[in-house]
PDB file of N, CA and C in Angstrom:
ATOM      1  N   UNK A   1     124.675 167.179 151.969  1.00  0.00           N
ATOM      2  CA  UNK A   1     123.428 167.902 152.178  1.00  0.00           C
ATOM      3  C   UNK A   1     122.687 167.988 150.844  1.00  0.00           C
ATOM      4  N   UNK A   2     121.428 167.638 150.839  1.00  0.00           N
ATOM      5  CA  UNK A   2     120.627 167.647 149.616  1.00  0.00           C
ATOM      6  C   UNK A   2     120.296 169.080 149.217  1.00  0.00           C
ATOM      7  N   UNK A   3     120.312 169.306 147.933  1.00  0.00           N
ATOM      8  CA  UNK A   3     120.035 170.642 147.420  1.00  0.00           C
ATOM      9  C   UNK A   3     118.525 170.845 147.294  1.00  0.00           C
ATOM     10  N   UNK A   4     118.039 172.050 147.637  1.00  0.00           N
ATOM     11  CA  UNK A   4     116.623 172.374 147.480  1.00  0.00           C
ATOM     12  C   UNK A   4     116.299 172.759 146.046  1.00  0.00           C
ATOM     13  N   UNK A   5     117.321 172.985 145.260  1.00  0.00           N
ATOM     14  CA  UNK A   5     117.129 173.413 143.875  1.00  0.00           C
ATOM     15  C   UNK A   5     116.923 172.197 142.971  1.00  0.00           C
ATOM     16  N   UNK A   6     115.897 172.245 142.151  1.00  0.00           N
ATOM     17  CA  UNK A   6     115.613 171.159 141.225  1.00  0.00           C
ATOM     18  C   UNK A   6     116.248 171.439 139.881  1.00  0.00           C
ATOM     19  N   UNK A   7     116.737 170.407 139.252  1.00  0.00           N
ATOM     20  CA  UNK A   7     117.263 170.546 137.904  1.00  0.00           C
ATOM     21  C   UNK A   7     116.102 170.780 136.944  1.00  0.00           C
ATOM     22  N   UNK A   8     116.362 171.477 135.839  1.00  0.00           N
ATOM     23  CA  UNK A   8     115.313 171.782 134.870  1.00  0.00           C
ATOM     24  C   UNK A   8     114.622 170.530 134.351  1.00  0.00           C
ATOM     25  N   UNK A   9     115.352 169.449 134.151  1.00  0.00           N
ATOM     26  CA  UNK A   9     114.765 168.214 133.643  1.00  0.00           C
ATOM     27  C   UNK A   9     113.764 167.629 134.629  1.00  0.00           C
ATOM     28  N   UNK A  10     113.915 167.939 135.914  1.00  0.00           N
ATOM     29  CA  UNK A  10     113.015 167.400 136.928  1.00  0.00           C
ATOM     30  C   UNK A  10     111.712 168.189 137.016  1.00  0.00           C
ATOM     31  N   UNK A  11     111.696 169.369 136.471  1.00  0.00           N
ATOM     32  CA  UNK A  11     110.515 170.222 136.537  1.00  0.00           C
ATOM     33  C   UNK A  11     109.623 169.968 135.330  1.00  0.00           C
ATOM     34  N   UNK A  12     108.584 169.222 135.502  1.00  0.00           N
ATOM     35  CA  UNK A  12     107.667 168.931 134.396  1.00  0.00           C
ATOM     36  C   UNK A  12     106.659 170.062 134.289  1.00  0.00           C
ATOM     37  N   UNK A  13     106.406 170.500 133.069  1.00  0.00           N
ATOM     38  CA  UNK A  13     105.427 171.558 132.843  1.00  0.00           C
ATOM     39  C   UNK A  13     104.167 170.945 132.253  1.00  0.00           C
ATOM     40  N   UNK A  14     103.040 171.307 132.794  1.00  0.00           N
ATOM     41  CA  UNK A  14     101.755 170.862 132.277  1.00  0.00           C
ATOM     42  C   UNK A  14     100.801 172.041 132.367  1.00  0.00           C
ATOM     43  N   UNK A  15     100.218 172.459 131.229  1.00  0.00           N
ATOM     44  CA  UNK A  15      99.346 173.631 131.273  1.00  0.00           C
ATOM     45  C   UNK A  15      98.104 173.397 132.125  1.00  0.00           C
ATOM     46  N   UNK A  16      97.705 174.429 132.856  1.00  0.00           N
ATOM     47  CA  UNK A  16      96.459 174.367 133.618  1.00  0.00           C
ATOM     48  C   UNK A  16      95.303 174.191 132.649  1.00  0.00           C
ATOM     49  N   UNK A  17      94.297 173.417 133.067  1.00  0.00           N
ATOM     50  CA  UNK A  17      93.207 173.065 132.159  1.00  0.00           C
ATOM     51  C   UNK A  17      91.853 173.224 132.834  1.00  0.00           C
ATOM     52  N   UNK A  18      90.902 173.802 132.102  1.00  0.00           N
ATOM     53  CA  UNK A  18      89.498 173.841 132.503  1.00  0.00           C
ATOM     54  C   UNK A  18      88.743 172.877 131.604  1.00  0.00           C
ATOM     55  N   UNK A  19      87.760 172.163 132.160  1.00  0.00           N
ATOM     56  CA  UNK A  19      86.909 171.276 131.369  1.00  0.00           C
ATOM     57  C   UNK A  19      85.477 171.753 131.555  1.00  0.00           C
ATOM     58  N   UNK A  20      84.820 172.046 130.421  1.00  0.00           N
ATOM     59  CA  UNK A  20      83.447 172.524 130.447  1.00  0.00           C
ATOM     60  C   UNK A  20      82.568 171.545 129.676  1.00  0.00           C
ATOM     61  N   UNK A  21      81.311 171.424 130.084  1.00  0.00           N
ATOM     62  CA  UNK A  21      80.406 170.514 129.392  1.00  0.00           C
ATOM     63  C   UNK A  21      79.044 171.159 129.227  1.00  0.00           C
ATOM     64  N   UNK A  22      78.488 171.014 128.035  1.00  0.00           N
ATOM     65  CA  UNK A  22      77.109 171.421 127.764  1.00  0.00           C
ATOM     66  C   UNK A  22      76.360 170.177 127.295  1.00  0.00           C
ATOM     67  N   UNK A  23      75.121 170.337 126.912  1.00  0.00           N
ATOM     68  CA  UNK A  23      74.341 169.191 126.436  1.00  0.00           C
ATOM     69  C   UNK A  23      74.885 168.636 125.131  1.00  0.00           C
ATOM     70  N   UNK A  24      75.574 169.465 124.325  1.00  0.00           N
ATOM     71  CA  UNK A  24      75.991 169.037 122.990  1.00  0.00           C
ATOM     72  C   UNK A  24      77.494 168.887 122.802  1.00  0.00           C
ATOM     73  N   UNK A  25      78.310 169.362 123.771  1.00  0.00           N
ATOM     74  CA  UNK A  25      79.756 169.319 123.567  1.00  0.00           C
ATOM     75  C   UNK A  25      80.529 169.358 124.875  1.00  0.00           C
ATOM     76  N   UNK A  26      81.804 169.010 124.743  1.00  0.00           N
ATOM     77  CA  UNK A  26      82.781 169.150 125.828  1.00  0.00           C
ATOM     78  C   UNK A  26      83.818 170.153 125.325  1.00  0.00           C
ATOM     79  N   UNK A  27      84.284 171.027 126.209  1.00  0.00           N
ATOM     80  CA  UNK A  27      85.328 171.981 125.821  1.00  0.00           C
ATOM     81  C   UNK A  27      86.469 171.890 126.833  1.00  0.00           C
ATOM     82  N   UNK A  28      87.675 171.919 126.321  1.00  0.00           N
ATOM     83  CA  UNK A  28      88.882 171.955 127.139  1.00  0.00           C
ATOM     84  C   UNK A  28      89.548 173.304 126.903  1.00  0.00           C
ATOM     85  N   UNK A  29      89.946 173.971 127.967  1.00  0.00           N
ATOM     86  CA  UNK A  29      90.690 175.222 127.859  1.00  0.00           C
ATOM     87  C   UNK A  29      92.042 175.017 128.529  1.00  0.00           C
ATOM     88  N   UNK A  30      93.109 175.172 127.754  1.00  0.00           N
ATOM     89  CA  UNK A  30      94.465 175.010 128.277  1.00  0.00           C
ATOM     90  C   UNK A  30      95.165 176.352 128.270  1.00  0.00           C
ATOM     91  N   UNK A  31      95.799 176.684 129.371  1.00  0.00           N
ATOM     92  CA  UNK A  31      96.522 177.943 129.504  1.00  0.00           C
ATOM     93  C   UNK A  31      97.913 177.773 128.908  1.00  0.00           C
ATOM     94  N   UNK A  32      98.149 178.411 127.744  1.00  0.00           N
ATOM     95  CA  UNK A  32      99.434 178.254 127.035  1.00  0.00           C
ATOM     96  C   UNK A  32      99.976 179.612 126.580  1.00  0.00           C
ATOM     97  N   UNK A  33     100.214 180.539 127.501  1.00  0.00           N
ATOM     98  CA  UNK A  33     100.700 181.854 127.081  1.00  0.00           C
ATOM     99  C   UNK A  33     102.035 181.769 126.357  1.00  0.00           C
ATOM    100  N   UNK A  34     102.160 182.555 125.299  1.00  0.00           N
ATOM    101  CA  UNK A  34     103.417 182.619 124.560  1.00  0.00           C
ATOM    102  C   UNK A  34     103.547 181.616 123.431  1.00  0.00           C
ATOM    103  N   UNK A  35     102.617 180.664 123.327  1.00  0.00           N
ATOM    104  CA  UNK A  35     102.660 179.673 122.251  1.00  0.00           C
ATOM    105  C   UNK A  35     101.751 180.116 121.112  1.00  0.00           C
ATOM    106  N   UNK A  36     102.220 179.923 119.872  1.00  0.00           N
ATOM    107  CA  UNK A  36     101.375 180.190 118.714  1.00  0.00           C
ATOM    108  C   UNK A  36     100.722 178.884 118.286  1.00  0.00           C
ATOM    109  N   UNK A  37      99.733 178.981 117.411  1.00  0.00           N
ATOM    110  CA  UNK A  37      99.052 177.759 116.961  1.00  0.00           C
ATOM    111  C   UNK A  37      99.998 176.843 116.192  1.00  0.00           C
ATOM    112  N   UNK A  38     101.037 177.402 115.588  1.00  0.00           N
ATOM    113  CA  UNK A  38     102.010 176.592 114.852  1.00  0.00           C
ATOM    114  C   UNK A  38     102.911 175.767 115.771  1.00  0.00           C
ATOM    115  N   UNK A  39     102.934 176.103 117.046  1.00  0.00           N
ATOM    116  CA  UNK A  39     103.779 175.390 117.998  1.00  0.00           C
ATOM    117  C   UNK A  39     103.010 174.328 118.787  1.00  0.00           C
ATOM    118  N   UNK A  40     101.719 174.152 118.468  1.00  0.00           N
ATOM    119  CA  UNK A  40     100.874 173.199 119.181  1.00  0.00           C
ATOM    120  C   UNK A  40     100.439 172.099 118.218  1.00  0.00           C
ATOM    121  N   UNK A  41     100.496 170.868 118.689  1.00  0.00           N
ATOM    122  CA  UNK A  41     100.064 169.724 117.888  1.00  0.00           C
ATOM    123  C   UNK A  41      98.971 168.981 118.640  1.00  0.00           C
ATOM    124  N   UNK A  42      97.875 168.672 117.933  1.00  0.00           N
ATOM    125  CA  UNK A  42      96.766 167.893 118.488  1.00  0.00           C
ATOM    126  C   UNK A  42      96.643 166.608 117.698  1.00  0.00           C
ATOM    127  N   UNK A  43      96.409 165.499 118.409  1.00  0.00           N
ATOM    128  CA  UNK A  43      96.233 164.210 117.739  1.00  0.00           C
ATOM    129  C   UNK A  43      95.302 163.346 118.580  1.00  0.00           C
ATOM    130  N   UNK A  44      94.526 162.489 117.899  1.00  0.00           N
ATOM    131  CA  UNK A  44      93.656 161.528 118.576  1.00  0.00           C
ATOM    132  C   UNK A  44      94.049 160.144 118.107  1.00  0.00           C
ATOM    133  N   UNK A  45      94.270 159.254 119.085  1.00  0.00           N
ATOM    134  CA  UNK A  45      94.582 157.873 118.769  1.00  0.00           C
ATOM    135  C   UNK A  45      94.092 156.994 119.917  1.00  0.00           C
ATOM    136  N   UNK A  46      93.344 155.955 119.587  1.00  0.00           N
ATOM    137  CA  UNK A  46      92.824 155.006 120.586  1.00  0.00           C
ATOM    138  C   UNK A  46      92.075 155.709 121.715  1.00  0.00           C
ATOM    139  N   UNK A  47      91.183 156.613 121.354  1.00  0.00           N
ATOM    140  CA  UNK A  47      90.356 157.368 122.310  1.00  0.00           C
ATOM    141  C   UNK A  47      91.161 158.265 123.257  1.00  0.00           C
ATOM    142  N   UNK A  48      92.366 158.653 122.862  1.00  0.00           N
ATOM    143  CA  UNK A  48      93.175 159.554 123.674  1.00  0.00           C
ATOM    144  C   UNK A  48      93.532 160.784 122.838  1.00  0.00           C
ATOM    145  N   UNK A  49      93.166 161.946 123.358  1.00  0.00           N
ATOM    146  CA  UNK A  49      93.527 163.215 122.732  1.00  0.00           C
ATOM    147  C   UNK A  49      94.851 163.663 123.339  1.00  0.00           C
ATOM    148  N   UNK A  50      95.854 163.904 122.491  1.00  0.00           N
ATOM    149  CA  UNK A  50      97.156 164.364 122.944  1.00  0.00           C
ATOM    150  C   UNK A  50      97.374 165.793 122.472  1.00  0.00           C
ATOM    151  N   UNK A  51      97.744 166.640 123.401  1.00  0.00           N
ATOM    152  CA  UNK A  51      98.085 168.032 123.106  1.00  0.00           C
ATOM    153  C   UNK A  51      99.547 168.197 123.485  1.00  0.00           C
ATOM    154  N   UNK A  52     100.366 168.615 122.525  1.00  0.00           N
ATOM    155  CA  UNK A  52     101.775 168.827 122.858  1.00  0.00           C
ATOM    156  C   UNK A  52     102.315 170.028 122.119  1.00  0.00           C
ATOM    157  N   UNK A  53     103.382 170.575 122.684  1.00  0.00           N
ATOM    158  CA  UNK A  53     104.016 171.732 122.065  1.00  0.00           C
ATOM    159  C   UNK A  53     105.294 171.292 121.381  1.00  0.00           C
ATOM    160  N   UNK A  54     105.622 172.000 120.329  1.00  0.00           N
ATOM    161  CA  UNK A  54     106.864 171.771 119.591  1.00  0.00           C
ATOM    162  C   UNK A  54     107.532 173.118 119.398  1.00  0.00           C
ATOM    163  N   UNK A  55     108.425 173.456 120.304  1.00  0.00           N
ATOM    164  CA  UNK A  55     109.148 174.719 120.173  1.00  0.00           C
ATOM    165  C   UNK A  55     110.259 174.547 119.155  1.00  0.00           C
ATOM    166  N   UNK A  56     110.237 175.372 118.145  1.00  0.00           N
ATOM    167  CA  UNK A  56     111.287 175.361 117.123  1.00  0.00           C
ATOM    168  C   UNK A  56     112.280 176.452 117.476  1.00  0.00           C
ATOM    169  N   UNK A  57     113.168 176.127 118.366  1.00  0.00           N
ATOM    170  CA  UNK A  57     114.127 177.117 118.837  1.00  0.00           C
ATOM    171  C   UNK A  57     115.196 177.358 117.785  1.00  0.00           C
ATOM    172  N   UNK A  58     115.431 178.607 117.498  1.00  0.00           N
ATOM    173  CA  UNK A  58     116.460 179.008 116.543  1.00  0.00           C
ATOM    174  C   UNK A  58     117.756 179.238 117.319  1.00  0.00           C
ATOM    175  N   UNK A  59     118.647 178.271 117.278  1.00  0.00           N
ATOM    176  CA  UNK A  59     119.887 178.337 118.063  1.00  0.00           C
ATOM    177  C   UNK A  59     120.758 179.517 117.651  1.00  0.00           C
ATOM    178  N   UNK A  60     120.798 179.836 116.349  1.00  0.00           N
ATOM    179  CA  UNK A  60     121.615 180.961 115.899  1.00  0.00           C
ATOM    180  C   UNK A  60     121.073 182.277 116.447  1.00  0.00           C
ATOM    181  N   UNK A  61     119.745 182.437 116.431  1.00  0.00           N
ATOM    182  CA  UNK A  61     119.134 183.660 116.946  1.00  0.00           C
ATOM    183  C   UNK A  61     119.366 183.759 118.451  1.00  0.00           C
ATOM    184  N   UNK A  62     119.264 182.630 119.169  1.00  0.00           N
ATOM    185  CA  UNK A  62     119.513 182.636 120.604  1.00  0.00           C
ATOM    186  C   UNK A  62     120.962 183.019 120.912  1.00  0.00           C
ATOM    187  N   UNK A  63     121.891 182.499 120.137  1.00  0.00           N
ATOM    188  CA  UNK A  63     123.302 182.813 120.347  1.00  0.00           C
ATOM    189  C   UNK A  63     123.553 184.300 120.094  1.00  0.00           C
ATOM    190  N   UNK A  64     122.956 184.849 119.058  1.00  0.00           N
ATOM    191  CA  UNK A  64     123.115 186.271 118.733  1.00  0.00           C
ATOM    192  C   UNK A  64     122.517 187.137 119.843  1.00  0.00           C
ATOM    193  N   UNK A  65     121.322 186.758 120.329  1.00  0.00           N
ATOM    194  CA  UNK A  65     120.677 187.500 121.408  1.00  0.00           C
ATOM    195  C   UNK A  65     121.526 187.440 122.680  1.00  0.00           C
ATOM    196  N   UNK A  66     122.137 186.288 122.953  1.00  0.00           N
ATOM    197  CA  UNK A  66     122.967 186.129 124.149  1.00  0.00           C
ATOM    198  C   UNK A  66     124.172 187.062 124.121  1.00  0.00           C
ATOM    199  N   UNK A  67     124.636 187.412 122.914  1.00  0.00           N
ATOM    200  CA  UNK A  67     125.772 188.332 122.798  1.00  0.00           C
ATOM    201  C   UNK A  67     125.375 189.757 123.156  1.00  0.00           C
ATOM    202  N   UNK A  68     124.127 190.129 122.865  1.00  0.00           N
ATOM    203  CA  UNK A  68     123.699 191.508 123.070  1.00  0.00           C
ATOM    204  C   UNK A  68     122.887 191.720 124.336  1.00  0.00           C
ATOM    205  N   UNK A  69     122.188 190.706 124.792  1.00  0.00           N
ATOM    206  CA  UNK A  69     121.343 190.848 125.980  1.00  0.00           C
ATOM    207  C   UNK A  69     121.802 189.900 127.077  1.00  0.00           C
ATOM    208  N   UNK A  70     121.828 190.406 128.275  1.00  0.00           N
ATOM    209  CA  UNK A  70     122.142 189.585 129.440  1.00  0.00           C
ATOM    210  C   UNK A  70     120.947 189.654 130.394  1.00  0.00           C
ATOM    211  N   UNK A  71     120.402 188.503 130.735  1.00  0.00           N
ATOM    212  CA  UNK A  71     119.286 188.481 131.680  1.00  0.00           C
ATOM    213  C   UNK A  71     119.794 188.793 133.077  1.00  0.00           C
ATOM    214  N   UNK A  72     119.094 189.685 133.768  1.00  0.00           N
ATOM    215  CA  UNK A  72     119.424 189.938 135.162  1.00  0.00           C
ATOM    216  C   UNK A  72     118.471 189.175 136.074  1.00  0.00           C
ATOM    217  N   UNK A  73     117.353 188.691 135.495  1.00  0.00           N
ATOM    218  CA  UNK A  73     116.390 187.903 136.261  1.00  0.00           C
ATOM    219  C   UNK A  73     115.557 187.087 135.286  1.00  0.00           C
ATOM    220  N   UNK A  74     115.359 185.819 135.576  1.00  0.00           N
ATOM    221  CA  UNK A  74     114.502 184.959 134.752  1.00  0.00           C
ATOM    222  C   UNK A  74     113.489 184.302 135.676  1.00  0.00           C
ATOM    223  N   UNK A  75     112.204 184.591 135.469  1.00  0.00           N
ATOM    224  CA  UNK A  75     111.153 184.006 136.290  1.00  0.00           C
ATOM    225  C   UNK A  75     110.300 183.008 135.517  1.00  0.00           C
ATOM    226  N   UNK A  76     110.386 183.020 134.202  1.00  0.00           N
ATOM    227  CA  UNK A  76     109.609 182.065 133.414  1.00  0.00           C
ATOM    228  C   UNK A  76     110.340 181.758 132.131  1.00  0.00           C
ATOM    229  N   UNK A  77     109.965 180.638 131.547  1.00  0.00           N
ATOM    230  CA  UNK A  77     110.481 180.276 130.237  1.00  0.00           C
ATOM    231  C   UNK A  77     109.459 179.358 129.585  1.00  0.00           C
ATOM    232  N   UNK A  78     109.418 179.392 128.273  1.00  0.00           N
ATOM    233  CA  UNK A  78     108.532 178.484 127.543  1.00  0.00           C
ATOM    234  C   UNK A  78     109.215 177.136 127.449  1.00  0.00           C
ATOM    235  N   UNK A  79     108.462 176.091 127.788  1.00  0.00           N
ATOM    236  CA  UNK A  79     109.012 174.746 127.710  1.00  0.00           C
ATOM    237  C   UNK A  79     108.007 173.840 127.015  1.00  0.00           C
ATOM    238  N   UNK A  80     108.520 172.845 126.345  1.00  0.00           N
ATOM    239  CA  UNK A  80     107.649 171.870 125.697  1.00  0.00           C
ATOM    240  C   UNK A  80     106.819 171.139 126.740  1.00  0.00           C
ATOM    241  N   UNK A  81     105.637 170.722 126.319  1.00  0.00           N
ATOM    242  CA  UNK A  81     104.768 169.958 127.207  1.00  0.00           C
ATOM    243  C   UNK A  81     104.006 168.935 126.384  1.00  0.00           C
ATOM    244  N   UNK A  82     103.440 167.976 127.078  1.00  0.00           N
ATOM    245  CA  UNK A  82     102.536 167.004 126.465  1.00  0.00           C
ATOM    246  C   UNK A  82     101.482 166.658 127.503  1.00  0.00           C
ATOM    247  N   UNK A  83     100.217 166.755 127.104  1.00  0.00           N
ATOM    248  CA  UNK A  83      99.118 166.457 128.010  1.00  0.00           C
ATOM    249  C   UNK A  83      98.129 165.564 127.282  1.00  0.00           C
ATOM    250  N   UNK A  84      97.632 164.530 127.965  1.00  0.00           N
ATOM    251  CA  UNK A  84      96.736 163.559 127.346  1.00  0.00           C
ATOM    252  C   UNK A  84      95.390 163.552 128.055  1.00  0.00           C
ATOM    253  N   UNK A  85      94.332 163.356 127.244  1.00  0.00           N
ATOM    254  CA  UNK A  85      92.970 163.285 127.760  1.00  0.00           C
ATOM    255  C   UNK A  85      92.292 162.047 127.185  1.00  0.00           C
ATOM    256  N   UNK A  86      91.756 161.188 128.049  1.00  0.00           N
ATOM    257  CA  UNK A  86      91.010 160.023 127.587  1.00  0.00           C
ATOM    258  C   UNK A  86      89.613 160.497 127.193  1.00  0.00           C
ATOM    259  N   UNK A  87      89.196 160.132 125.974  1.00  0.00           N
ATOM    260  CA  UNK A  87      87.911 160.564 125.451  1.00  0.00           C
ATOM    261  C   UNK A  87      86.859 159.483 125.639  1.00  0.00           C
ATOM    262  N   UNK A  88      85.693 159.906 126.035  1.00  0.00           N
ATOM    263  CA  UNK A  88      84.562 159.002 126.202  1.00  0.00           C
ATOM    264  C   UNK A  88      84.074 158.504 124.844  1.00  0.00           C
ATOM    265  N   UNK A  89      83.469 157.335 124.832  1.00  0.00           N
ATOM    266  CA  UNK A  89      82.863 156.808 123.598  1.00  0.00           C
ATOM    267  C   UNK A  89      81.676 157.651 123.157  1.00  0.00           C
ATOM    268  N   UNK A  90      81.180 158.506 124.028  1.00  0.00           N
ATOM    269  CA  UNK A  90      80.030 159.359 123.710  1.00  0.00           C
ATOM    270  C   UNK A  90      80.428 160.611 122.924  1.00  0.00           C
ATOM    271  N   UNK A  91      81.738 160.795 122.712  1.00  0.00           N
ATOM    272  CA  UNK A  91      82.208 161.977 121.978  1.00  0.00           C
ATOM    273  C   UNK A  91      82.509 161.623 120.535  1.00  0.00           C
ATOM    274  N   UNK A  92      82.197 162.554 119.641  1.00  0.00           N
ATOM    275  CA  UNK A  92      82.430 162.376 118.212  1.00  0.00           C
ATOM    276  C   UNK A  92      83.855 162.828 117.891  1.00  0.00           C
ATOM    277  N   UNK A  93      84.743 161.888 117.710  1.00  0.00           N
ATOM    278  CA  UNK A  93      86.146 162.211 117.479  1.00  0.00           C
ATOM    279  C   UNK A  93      86.392 162.809 116.097  1.00  0.00           C
ATOM    280  N   UNK A  94      85.389 162.790 115.247  1.00  0.00           N
ATOM    281  CA  UNK A  94      85.492 163.430 113.929  1.00  0.00           C
ATOM    282  C   UNK A  94      85.111 164.909 114.001  1.00  0.00           C
ATOM    283  N   UNK A  95      84.566 165.333 115.127  1.00  0.00           N
ATOM    284  CA  UNK A  95      84.112 166.722 115.294  1.00  0.00           C
ATOM    285  C   UNK A  95      84.884 167.392 116.431  1.00  0.00           C
ATOM    286  N   UNK A  96      86.173 167.586 116.212  1.00  0.00           N
ATOM    287  CA  UNK A  96      87.025 168.271 117.183  1.00  0.00           C
ATOM    288  C   UNK A  96      87.557 169.539 116.528  1.00  0.00           C
ATOM    289  N   UNK A  97      87.377 170.661 117.218  1.00  0.00           N
ATOM    290  CA  UNK A  97      87.837 171.948 116.696  1.00  0.00           C
ATOM    291  C   UNK A  97      88.687 172.631 117.769  1.00  0.00           C
ATOM    292  N   UNK A  98      89.684 173.384 117.325  1.00  0.00           N
ATOM    293  CA  UNK A  98      90.567 174.063 118.274  1.00  0.00           C
ATOM    294  C   UNK A  98      90.900 175.460 117.784  1.00  0.00           C
ATOM    295  N   UNK A  99      91.108 176.352 118.746  1.00  0.00           N
ATOM    296  CA  UNK A  99      91.535 177.715 118.440  1.00  0.00           C
ATOM    297  C   UNK A  99      92.358 178.251 119.602  1.00  0.00           C
ATOM    298  N   UNK A 100      93.280 179.158 119.285  1.00  0.00           N
ATOM    299  CA  UNK A 100      94.096 179.812 120.301  1.00  0.00           C
ATOM    300  C   UNK A 100      93.736 181.286 120.310  1.00  0.00           C
ATOM    301  N   UNK A 101      93.441 181.811 121.510  1.00  0.00           N
ATOM    302  CA  UNK A 101      93.092 183.217 121.639  1.00  0.00           C
ATOM    303  C   UNK A 101      93.588 183.711 123.000  1.00  0.00           C
ATOM    304  N   UNK A 102      94.419 184.747 122.982  1.00  0.00           N
ATOM    305  CA  UNK A 102      94.938 185.365 124.213  1.00  0.00           C
ATOM    306  C   UNK A 102      95.586 184.352 125.155  1.00  0.00           C
ATOM    307  N   UNK A 103      96.353 183.424 124.604  1.00  0.00           N
ATOM    308  CA  UNK A 103      97.086 182.475 125.425  1.00  0.00           C
ATOM    309  C   UNK A 103      96.273 181.305 125.942  1.00  0.00           C
ATOM    310  N   UNK A 104      95.056 181.143 125.430  1.00  0.00           N
ATOM    311  CA  UNK A 104      94.212 180.023 125.841  1.00  0.00           C
ATOM    312  C   UNK A 104      93.881 179.184 124.620  1.00  0.00           C
ATOM    313  N   UNK A 105      94.219 177.901 124.676  1.00  0.00           N
ATOM    314  CA  UNK A 105      93.858 176.962 123.626  1.00  0.00           C
ATOM    315  C   UNK A 105      92.518 176.353 124.015  1.00  0.00           C
ATOM    316  N   UNK A 106      91.515 176.540 123.162  1.00  0.00           N
ATOM    317  CA  UNK A 106      90.178 175.981 123.418  1.00  0.00           C
ATOM    318  C   UNK A 106      89.928 174.872 122.416  1.00  0.00           C
ATOM    319  N   UNK A 107      89.682 173.665 122.935  1.00  0.00           N
ATOM    320  CA  UNK A 107      89.396 172.494 122.124  1.00  0.00           C
ATOM    321  C   UNK A 107      87.950 172.108 122.383  1.00  0.00           C
ATOM    322  N   UNK A 108      87.156 172.051 121.322  1.00  0.00           N
ATOM    323  CA  UNK A 108      85.738 171.718 121.440  1.00  0.00           C
ATOM    324  C   UNK A 108      85.485 170.379 120.772  1.00  0.00           C
ATOM    325  N   UNK A 109      84.833 169.476 121.501  1.00  0.00           N
ATOM    326  CA  UNK A 109      84.534 168.140 120.987  1.00  0.00           C
ATOM    327  C   UNK A 109      83.030 167.929 121.069  1.00  0.00           C
ATOM    328  N   UNK A 110      82.419 167.696 119.916  1.00  0.00           N
ATOM    329  CA  UNK A 110      80.973 167.484 119.862  1.00  0.00           C
ATOM    330  C   UNK A 110      80.616 166.105 120.424  1.00  0.00           C
ATOM    331  N   UNK A 111      79.471 166.038 121.097  1.00  0.00           N
ATOM    332  CA  UNK A 111      78.963 164.749 121.558  1.00  0.00           C
ATOM    333  C   UNK A 111      78.262 164.052 120.391  1.00  0.00           C
ATOM    334  N   UNK A 112      78.242 162.722 120.427  1.00  0.00           N
ATOM    335  CA  UNK A 112      77.485 161.970 119.431  1.00  0.00           C
ATOM    336  C   UNK A 112      76.004 162.224 119.648  1.00  0.00           C
ATOM    337  N   UNK A 113      75.245 162.152 118.560  1.00  0.00           N
ATOM    338  CA  UNK A 113      73.809 162.459 118.638  1.00  0.00           C
ATOM    339  C   UNK A 113      73.098 161.614 119.694  1.00  0.00           C
ATOM    340  N   UNK A 114      73.461 160.327 119.787  1.00  0.00           N
ATOM    341  CA  UNK A 114      72.787 159.458 120.757  1.00  0.00           C
ATOM    342  C   UNK A 114      73.142 159.793 122.201  1.00  0.00           C
ATOM    343  N   UNK A 115      74.174 160.587 122.420  1.00  0.00           N
ATOM    344  CA  UNK A 115      74.573 160.967 123.773  1.00  0.00           C
ATOM    345  C   UNK A 115      73.897 162.259 124.231  1.00  0.00           C
ATOM    346  N   UNK A 116      73.262 162.966 123.296  1.00  0.00           N
ATOM    347  CA  UNK A 116      72.594 164.225 123.632  1.00  0.00           C
ATOM    348  C   UNK A 116      71.211 163.899 124.202  1.00  0.00           C
ATOM    349  N   UNK A 117      70.927 164.373 125.410  1.00  0.00           N
ATOM    350  CA  UNK A 117      69.622 164.068 126.016  1.00  0.00           C
ATOM    351  C   UNK A 117      68.470 164.656 125.202  1.00  0.00           C
ATOM    352  N   UNK A 118      67.413 163.897 125.100  1.00  0.00           N
ATOM    353  CA  UNK A 118      66.217 164.330 124.367  1.00  0.00           C
ATOM    354  C   UNK A 118      65.185 164.772 125.390  1.00  0.00           C
ATOM    355  N   UNK A 119      64.668 165.961 125.194  1.00  0.00           N
ATOM    356  CA  UNK A 119      63.659 166.479 126.106  1.00  0.00           C
ATOM    357  C   UNK A 119      62.358 166.611 125.324  1.00  0.00           C
ATOM    358  N   UNK A 120      61.315 166.057 125.902  1.00  0.00           N
ATOM    359  CA  UNK A 120      60.007 166.187 125.261  1.00  0.00           C
ATOM    360  C   UNK A 120      58.949 166.339 126.357  1.00  0.00           C
ATOM    361  N   UNK A 121      57.910 167.018 126.003  1.00  0.00           N
ATOM    362  CA  UNK A 121      56.798 167.220 126.917  1.00  0.00           C
ATOM    363  C   UNK A 121      55.895 165.992 126.898  1.00  0.00           C
ATOM    364  N   UNK A 122      55.441 165.607 128.058  1.00  0.00           N
ATOM    365  CA  UNK A 122      54.518 164.467 128.160  1.00  0.00           C
ATOM    366  C   UNK A 122      53.170 165.034 128.612  1.00  0.00           C
ATOM    367  N   UNK A 123      52.168 164.718 127.818  1.00  0.00           N
ATOM    368  CA  UNK A 123      50.818 165.215 128.110  1.00  0.00           C
ATOM    369  C   UNK A 123      50.217 164.410 129.244  1.00  0.00           C
ATOM    370  N   UNK A 124      49.591 165.126 130.151  1.00  0.00           N
ATOM    371  CA  UNK A 124      48.920 164.481 131.283  1.00  0.00           C
ATOM    372  C   UNK A 124      47.467 164.248 130.899  1.00  0.00           C
ATOM    373  N   UNK A 125      47.004 163.013 131.044  1.00  0.00           N
ATOM    374  CA  UNK A 125      45.623 162.670 130.648  1.00  0.00           C
ATOM    375  C   UNK A 125      44.662 163.008 131.730  1.00  0.00           C
TER     376      UNK A 125
END
C-alpha cells in the first residue's frame, strides 16, 4: 500500500511571488518569513535572475537545543530554496536593488530608457 506521506526531499519549497510593473520598473515580491538578508543570495547570469537561500545551520546549537527542548508539534520549518526569473532585454540588469522587510524580499529592476514609453502632447491644427 502506497504511503500518503511524502518524504522531506520530495517536498520542494518555492516562495510565493508577486510581480508588479510600472512605466519605469519591474518589482518582484517574494514571501520569505524567517530569513534574514544574510541568508539570501541574488545573482544575474545570462538574463536569468536567481534568488536562493543559504541556511547556515549551527549543528552544535541544534544538538544543544534538542537536549533541552522537545517539539510536541511542528507545522513549519525553514528550508533552502532556489527560484529563477528570466529577465527581458528591456530591463537594466545593472540597476537591480533588493531589500527585506517584514518577511518580504522586494527586488526592483529598472527598465532601460528606451523601454520607457514617451508621452507627448500633439497639437491639433
